[in-house]
Amino acid sequence: MTWRMRARVRVVADTVAANPYSGDRTYRAGEELEMILVGHEDKPLSAAHWWSGMDIDLAHILDADDVTIVQMLGPTWVTCDGCGKSGEIERTDDGRAHLDVGGRIARQRQEAARKA
């Protein structure tokens, strides 16, 4: 299973991230930005990578050690490597975490907020 989570991060040292489609980008030490941490189940956090976006053709990717987390922003996404279904992790009224495939839970919350 692949998981993803958004966070505000600070770059710890100058580093260059290459991308053949959008060109190289130099990240400077101290720079703060929003990125997406992409990891895999049963792999250590140090094996995860920070992506500038989820478009593989345009994303710049940094190693886990290149940044430090300033603030976790969520939401968290997961993708099942077996079936390919994906969605955000949502906590519902029962307090349990649910995979919101297709945004069903989010739409229900928006509808309830509109009616309130």
C-alpha atoms as a PDB file:
ATOM      1  CA  MET A   1       0.000   0.000   0.000  1.00  0.00           C
ATOM      2  CA  THR A   2       1.222   3.483  -0.878  1.00  0.00           C
ATOM      3  CA  TRP A   3       0.436   6.409   1.423  1.00  0.00           C
ATOM      4  CA  ARG A   4       0.752  10.149   0.989  1.00  0.00           C
ATOM      5  CA  MET A   5       0.474  13.082   3.367  1.00  0.00           C
ATOM      6  CA  ARG A   6       0.819  16.825   2.961  1.00  0.00           C
ATOM      7  CA  ALA A   7       3.044  18.889   5.216  1.00  0.00           C
ATOM      8  CA  ARG A   8       4.761  22.235   5.473  1.00  0.00           C
ATOM      9  CA  VAL A   9       8.499  21.479   5.439  1.00  0.00           C
ATOM     10  CA  ARG A  10      11.791  23.347   5.777  1.00  0.00           C
ATOM     11  CA  VAL A  11      14.726  22.450   3.532  1.00  0.00           C
ATOM     12  CA  VAL A  12      17.766  21.639   5.700  1.00  0.00           C
ATOM     13  CA  ALA A  13      20.539  22.069   3.107  1.00  0.00           C
ATOM     14  CA  ASP A  14      20.819  23.391  -0.439  1.00  0.00           C
ATOM     15  CA  THR A  15      19.850  20.619  -2.831  1.00  0.00           C
ATOM     16  CA  VAL A  16      18.974  20.286  -6.510  1.00  0.00           C
ATOM     17  CA  ALA A  17      16.008  18.186  -7.615  1.00  0.00           C
ATOM     18  CA  ALA A  18      16.087  17.130 -11.256  1.00  0.00           C
ATOM     19  CA  ASN A  19      13.125  16.656 -13.549  1.00  0.00           C
ATOM     20  CA  PRO A  20      13.525  16.026 -17.287  1.00  0.00           C
ATOM     21  CA  TYR A  21      10.218  17.738 -18.165  1.00  0.00           C
ATOM     22  CA  SER A  22      10.161  20.840 -16.004  1.00  0.00           C
ATOM     23  CA  GLY A  23      13.902  21.263 -15.447  1.00  0.00           C
ATOM     24  CA  ASP A  24      16.035  21.294 -12.332  1.00  0.00           C
ATOM     25  CA  ARG A  25      15.014  23.212  -9.229  1.00  0.00           C
ATOM     26  CA  THR A  26      17.387  24.346  -6.527  1.00  0.00           C
ATOM     27  CA  TYR A  27      15.917  24.226  -3.035  1.00  0.00           C
ATOM     28  CA  ARG A  28      17.725  26.506  -0.563  1.00  0.00           C
ATOM     29  CA  ALA A  29      18.405  25.752   3.104  1.00  0.00           C
ATOM     30  CA  GLY A  30      15.733  27.378   5.266  1.00  0.00           C
ATOM     31  CA  GLU A  31      13.167  27.541   2.451  1.00  0.00           C
ATOM     32  CA  GLU A  32       9.689  26.540   3.655  1.00  0.00           C
ATOM     33  CA  LEU A  33       7.139  25.024   1.325  1.00  0.00           C
ATOM     34  CA  GLU A  34       4.244  22.592   1.132  1.00  0.00           C
ATOM     35  CA  MET A  35       5.143  19.124  -0.126  1.00  0.00           C
ATOM     36  CA  ILE A  36       3.673  15.631  -0.178  1.00  0.00           C
ATOM     37  CA  LEU A  37       5.414  12.765   1.609  1.00  0.00           C
ATOM     38  CA  VAL A  38       5.089   9.535  -0.382  1.00  0.00           C
ATOM     39  CA  GLY A  39       5.914   6.239   1.284  1.00  0.00           C
ATOM     40  CA  HIS A  40       5.105   2.571   1.203  1.00  0.00           C
ATOM     41  CA  GLU A  41       3.729   0.246   3.827  1.00  0.00           C
ATOM     42  CA  ASP A  42       6.395  -1.738   5.704  1.00  0.00           C
ATOM     43  CA  LYS A  43       9.177   0.637   4.590  1.00  0.00           C
ATOM     44  CA  PRO A  44      10.961   2.970   7.030  1.00  0.00           C
ATOM     45  CA  LEU A  45      10.094   6.672   6.932  1.00  0.00           C
ATOM     46  CA  SER A  46      13.665   7.338   5.811  1.00  0.00           C
ATOM     47  CA  ALA A  47      12.813   5.512   2.554  1.00  0.00           C
ATOM     48  CA  ALA A  48       9.958   7.950   1.793  1.00  0.00           C
ATOM     49  CA  HIS A  49      10.371  10.928  -0.517  1.00  0.00           C
ATOM     50  CA  TRP A  50       8.976  14.461  -0.531  1.00  0.00           C
ATOM     51  CA  TRP A  51       7.237  15.397  -3.789  1.00  0.00           C
ATOM     52  CA  SER A  52       6.429  18.949  -4.945  1.00  0.00           C
ATOM     53  CA  GLY A  53       3.211  17.605  -6.534  1.00  0.00           C
ATOM     54  CA  MET A  54       1.639  14.355  -7.653  1.00  0.00           C
ATOM     55  CA  ASP A  55       2.192  14.816 -11.408  1.00  0.00           C
ATOM     56  CA  ILE A  56       5.139  12.489 -12.062  1.00  0.00           C
ATOM     57  CA  ASP A  57       6.137  14.494 -15.140  1.00  0.00           C
ATOM     58  CA  LEU A  58       6.407  17.806 -13.268  1.00  0.00           C
ATOM     59  CA  ALA A  59       7.222  16.880  -9.662  1.00  0.00           C
ATOM     60  CA  HIS A  60      10.559  17.582  -8.028  1.00  0.00           C
ATOM     61  CA  ILE A  61      11.425  14.890  -5.487  1.00  0.00           C
ATOM     62  CA  LEU A  62      13.542  15.291  -2.357  1.00  0.00           C
ATOM     63  CA  ASP A  63      14.898  12.602  -0.036  1.00  0.00           C
ATOM     64  CA  ALA A  64      13.418  12.327   3.455  1.00  0.00           C
ATOM     65  CA  ASP A  65      16.653  13.686   4.946  1.00  0.00           C
ATOM     66  CA  ASP A  66      16.530  16.843   2.799  1.00  0.00           C
ATOM     67  CA  VAL A  67      13.715  18.426   4.823  1.00  0.00           C
ATOM     68  CA  THR A  68      12.342  18.706   8.328  1.00  0.00           C
ATOM     69  CA  ILE A  69       8.615  18.818   9.053  1.00  0.00           C
ATOM     70  CA  VAL A  70       7.289  22.179  10.223  1.00  0.00           C
ATOM     71  CA  GLN A  71       3.581  21.292  10.272  1.00  0.00           C
ATOM     72  CA  MET A  72       1.528  18.294   9.210  1.00  0.00           C
ATOM     73  CA  LEU A  73      -1.332  19.526   7.036  1.00  0.00           C
ATOM     74  CA  GLY A  74      -3.166  16.383   6.011  1.00  0.00           C
ATOM     75  CA  PRO A  75      -5.218  15.007   4.534  1.00  0.00           C
ATOM     76  CA  THR A  76      -3.602  11.652   4.112  1.00  0.00           C
ATOM     77  CA  TRP A  77      -4.132   9.632   0.934  1.00  0.00           C
ATOM     78  CA  VAL A  78      -3.538   5.955   0.431  1.00  0.00           C
ATOM     79  CA  THR A  79      -3.533   3.837  -2.695  1.00  0.00           C
ATOM     80  CA  CYS A  80      -3.910   0.085  -2.625  1.00  0.00           C
ATOM     81  CA  ASP A  81      -1.162  -1.443  -4.764  1.00  0.00           C
ATOM     82  CA  GLY A  82      -3.344  -4.526  -5.278  1.00  0.00           C
ATOM     83  CA  CYS A  83      -6.646  -3.049  -6.460  1.00  0.00           C
ATOM     84  CA  GLY A  84      -5.579   0.491  -7.297  1.00  0.00           C
ATOM     85  CA  LYS A  85      -8.365   2.160  -5.289  1.00  0.00           C
ATOM     86  CA  SER A  86      -7.340   5.317  -3.505  1.00  0.00           C
ATOM     87  CA  GLY A  87      -8.751   8.043  -1.376  1.00  0.00           C
ATOM     88  CA  GLU A  88      -8.291  10.287   1.627  1.00  0.00           C
ATOM     89  CA  ILE A  89      -8.247   8.960   5.154  1.00  0.00           C
ATOM     90  CA  GLU A  90     -11.264  10.448   6.929  1.00  0.00           C
ATOM     91  CA  ARG A  91     -12.362  10.106  10.541  1.00  0.00           C
ATOM     92  CA  THR A  92     -16.117   9.749  10.799  1.00  0.00           C
ATOM     93  CA  ASP A  93     -18.510  10.191  13.695  1.00  0.00           C
ATOM     94  CA  ASP A  94     -17.693   6.713  14.977  1.00  0.00           C
ATOM     95  CA  GLY A  95     -14.074   7.862  15.541  1.00  0.00           C
ATOM     96  CA  ARG A  96     -12.637   5.261  13.170  1.00  0.00           C
ATOM     97  CA  ALA A  97     -10.496   6.045  10.136  1.00  0.00           C
ATOM     98  CA  HIS A  98     -12.082   5.246   6.777  1.00  0.00           C
ATOM     99  CA  LEU A  99     -10.711   5.295   3.239  1.00  0.00           C
ATOM    100  CA  ASP A 100     -12.880   7.825   1.376  1.00  0.00           C
ATOM    101  CA  VAL A 101     -12.735   6.368  -2.140  1.00  0.00           C
ATOM    102  CA  GLY A 102     -14.332   8.804  -4.576  1.00  0.00           C
ATOM    103  CA  GLY A 103     -14.864  11.490  -1.923  1.00  0.00           C
ATOM    104  CA  ARG A 104     -18.189  10.073  -0.642  1.00  0.00           C
ATOM    105  CA  ILE A 105     -17.559  10.977   3.033  1.00  0.00           C
ATOM    106  CA  ALA A 106     -16.334  14.476   2.120  1.00  0.00           C
ATOM    107  CA  ARG A 107     -19.453  15.100  -0.001  1.00  0.00           C
ATOM    108  CA  GLN A 108     -21.713  13.934   2.835  1.00  0.00           C
ATOM    109  CA  ARG A 109     -19.991  16.361   5.218  1.00  0.00           C
ATOM    110  CA  GLN A 110     -20.322  19.248   2.765  1.00  0.00           C
ATOM    111  CA  GLU A 111     -24.009  18.489   2.253  1.00  0.00           C
ATOM    112  CA  ALA A 112     -24.619  18.350   6.021  1.00  0.00           C
ATOM    113  CA  ALA A 113     -22.776  21.668   6.509  1.00  0.00           C
ATOM    114  CA  ARG A 114     -24.847  23.292   3.757  1.00  0.00           C
ATOM    115  CA  LYS A 115     -28.080  22.163   5.426  1.00  0.00           C
ATOM    116  CA  ALA A 116     -26.977  23.426   8.856  1.00  0.00           C
END
